[in-house]
Amino acid sequence: MNVAERYFEGIGRRKTSTARVRIYTGSKASVVNDVPAEEYFDARGEYADVISPLAISGKEKEMYFTAHVVGGGITGQREAVRLGIARALIEMDETLKPDLRKKGLVTRDPRMVERKKYNRRKARKKPQFSKR
């Protein structure tokens, strides 16, 4: 990669996933963890969901991204990359923020898995009650 390449960086998080996303101008293939993004998010509609911030801003043909994702499952990683792309676009051009906010792509989803408590089967499920 050329050192002179200009990029904008955004960090996205969801559940236990963290994604560091860099967007570049150009028409190369987008990459997630050194794998083409179409292959990494190969299930039906997942890749379209990931690049939705680029599609809404109208820059999906003129920009590409690289992402490094750690932790969580495929859904958490997908949404972390999507938030990272949205934040990088906002860093690049502040006027895109209202359009991205209308679609709900700017807000970080705060929901996390609740921890398991002692004397419980899961976070809230109690052991079965036995009368006798």
Protein backbone atom coordinates (compact mmCIF):
# COMPACT_ATOMS: atom_id res chain seq x y z
CA MET A 1 0.00 0.00 0.00
CA ASN A 2 1.30 3.42 -0.92
CA VAL A 3 2.25 5.61 2.03
CA ALA A 4 0.84 8.70 0.28
CA GLU A 5 -2.68 7.20 0.12
CA ARG A 6 -5.10 9.38 2.06
CA TYR A 7 -7.68 7.63 4.21
CA PHE A 8 -10.29 8.44 6.83
CA GLU A 9 -10.61 6.19 9.84
CA GLY A 10 -13.61 5.25 11.97
CA ILE A 11 -13.97 2.85 14.87
CA GLY A 12 -17.19 0.87 15.26
CA ARG A 13 -18.28 -1.34 18.12
CA ARG A 14 -21.22 -3.69 18.66
CA LYS A 15 -21.69 -6.28 21.44
CA THR A 16 -18.12 -7.56 21.91
CA SER A 17 -16.87 -6.73 18.39
CA THR A 18 -14.55 -3.88 17.54
CA ALA A 19 -13.80 -2.76 13.98
CA ARG A 20 -11.15 -0.31 12.80
CA VAL A 21 -12.24 0.85 9.35
CA ARG A 22 -10.34 2.99 6.85
CA ILE A 23 -12.03 4.36 3.73
CA TYR A 24 -10.05 5.33 0.64
CA THR A 25 -10.98 6.95 -2.66
CA GLY A 26 -10.58 4.53 -5.55
CA SER A 27 -12.14 1.43 -7.00
CA LYS A 28 -10.22 -1.42 -5.38
CA ALA A 29 -11.96 -4.33 -3.67
CA SER A 30 -12.96 -3.77 -0.04
CA VAL A 31 -11.16 -5.99 2.46
CA VAL A 32 -12.08 -7.26 5.95
CA ASN A 33 -9.30 -9.01 7.92
CA ASP A 34 -7.29 -9.52 4.69
CA VAL A 35 -10.26 -11.32 3.04
CA PRO A 36 -12.44 -9.71 0.35
CA ALA A 37 -15.48 -8.20 2.06
CA GLU A 38 -17.93 -10.02 -0.24
CA GLU A 39 -16.47 -13.34 0.93
CA TYR A 40 -16.22 -12.34 4.61
CA PHE A 41 -19.89 -11.28 4.70
CA ASP A 42 -21.14 -13.86 2.22
CA ALA A 43 -24.64 -14.56 3.62
CA ARG A 44 -27.68 -13.16 1.86
CA GLY A 45 -27.82 -9.37 2.18
CA GLU A 46 -25.02 -9.04 4.72
CA TYR A 47 -22.58 -7.26 2.41
CA ALA A 48 -25.30 -4.85 1.24
CA ASP A 49 -26.03 -4.07 4.89
CA VAL A 50 -22.34 -3.42 5.59
CA ILE A 51 -21.89 -0.96 2.72
CA SER A 52 -25.24 0.79 3.30
CA PRO A 53 -23.51 3.98 4.61
CA LEU A 54 -21.57 4.20 1.33
CA ALA A 55 -24.74 3.51 -0.67
CA ILE A 56 -26.74 6.19 1.18
CA SER A 57 -23.99 8.75 0.64
CA GLY A 58 -23.72 7.72 -3.04
CA LYS A 59 -20.02 6.87 -2.80
CA GLU A 60 -20.08 3.07 -3.14
CA LYS A 61 -18.56 3.20 -6.66
CA GLU A 62 -15.86 5.76 -5.89
CA MET A 63 -14.66 4.53 -2.48
CA TYR A 64 -13.48 1.30 -0.89
CA PHE A 65 -12.61 0.30 2.67
CA THR A 66 -10.30 -1.89 4.68
CA ALA A 67 -11.43 -3.18 8.06
CA HIS A 68 -9.79 -5.02 10.92
CA VAL A 69 -12.42 -6.70 13.11
CA VAL A 70 -11.86 -8.48 16.43
CA GLY A 71 -14.27 -10.33 18.73
CA GLY A 72 -17.90 -11.35 18.69
CA GLY A 73 -19.87 -13.16 16.04
CA ILE A 74 -20.75 -12.36 12.45
CA THR A 75 -23.69 -10.06 13.30
CA GLY A 76 -21.71 -8.01 15.81
CA GLN A 77 -18.80 -7.75 13.39
CA ARG A 78 -21.09 -6.74 10.52
CA GLU A 79 -22.70 -3.95 12.53
CA ALA A 80 -19.34 -2.81 13.94
CA VAL A 81 -17.92 -2.46 10.41
CA ARG A 82 -21.07 -0.61 9.30
CA LEU A 83 -20.72 1.89 12.18
CA GLY A 84 -17.00 2.30 11.44
CA ILE A 85 -17.75 3.12 7.79
CA ALA A 86 -20.41 5.65 8.82
CA ARG A 87 -18.04 7.35 11.28
CA ALA A 88 -15.25 7.49 8.71
CA LEU A 89 -17.63 9.06 6.16
CA ILE A 90 -18.65 11.68 8.73
CA GLU A 91 -14.98 12.41 9.43
CA MET A 92 -14.48 12.87 5.69
CA ASP A 93 -17.60 15.00 5.07
CA GLU A 94 -19.68 16.38 7.95
CA THR A 95 -22.64 17.15 5.65
CA LEU A 96 -23.39 13.41 5.30
CA LYS A 97 -24.28 13.06 8.99
CA PRO A 98 -28.01 14.03 8.80
CA ASP A 99 -28.70 11.50 6.01
CA LEU A 100 -26.86 8.73 7.87
CA ARG A 101 -28.61 9.62 11.14
CA LYS A 102 -32.04 9.35 9.48
CA LYS A 103 -31.24 5.75 8.56
CA GLY A 104 -29.95 5.01 12.09
CA LEU A 105 -26.34 4.38 11.07
CA VAL A 106 -24.62 6.90 13.38
CA THR A 107 -25.80 5.67 16.79
CA ARG A 108 -23.88 2.90 18.54
CA ASP A 109 -26.14 0.09 19.74
CA PRO A 110 -25.50 -0.08 23.52
CA ARG A 111 -26.98 -3.54 24.10
CA MET A 112 -24.57 -6.04 25.58
CA VAL A 113 -25.00 -9.59 26.86
CA GLU A 114 -25.99 -9.61 30.53
CA ARG A 115 -23.56 -11.44 32.75
CA LYS A 116 -24.42 -14.76 34.37
CA LYS A 117 -25.18 -14.57 38.10
CA TYR A 118 -24.41 -17.20 40.74
CA ASN A 119 -27.26 -19.55 41.75
CA ARG A 120 -28.79 -18.99 38.31
CA ARG A 121 -28.75 -21.15 35.19
CA LYS A 122 -28.20 -18.11 32.92
CA ALA A 123 -28.35 -14.37 33.58
CA ARG A 124 -31.95 -14.49 34.85
CA LYS A 125 -33.19 -18.08 34.60
CA LYS A 126 -33.67 -19.67 38.01
CA PRO A 127 -33.27 -23.35 38.85
CA GLN A 128 -36.43 -25.42 38.55
CA PHE A 129 -38.56 -25.33 41.72
CA SER A 130 -39.39 -28.69 43.29
CA LYS A 131 -42.18 -28.87 45.84
CA ARG A 132 -41.11 -32.29 47.12
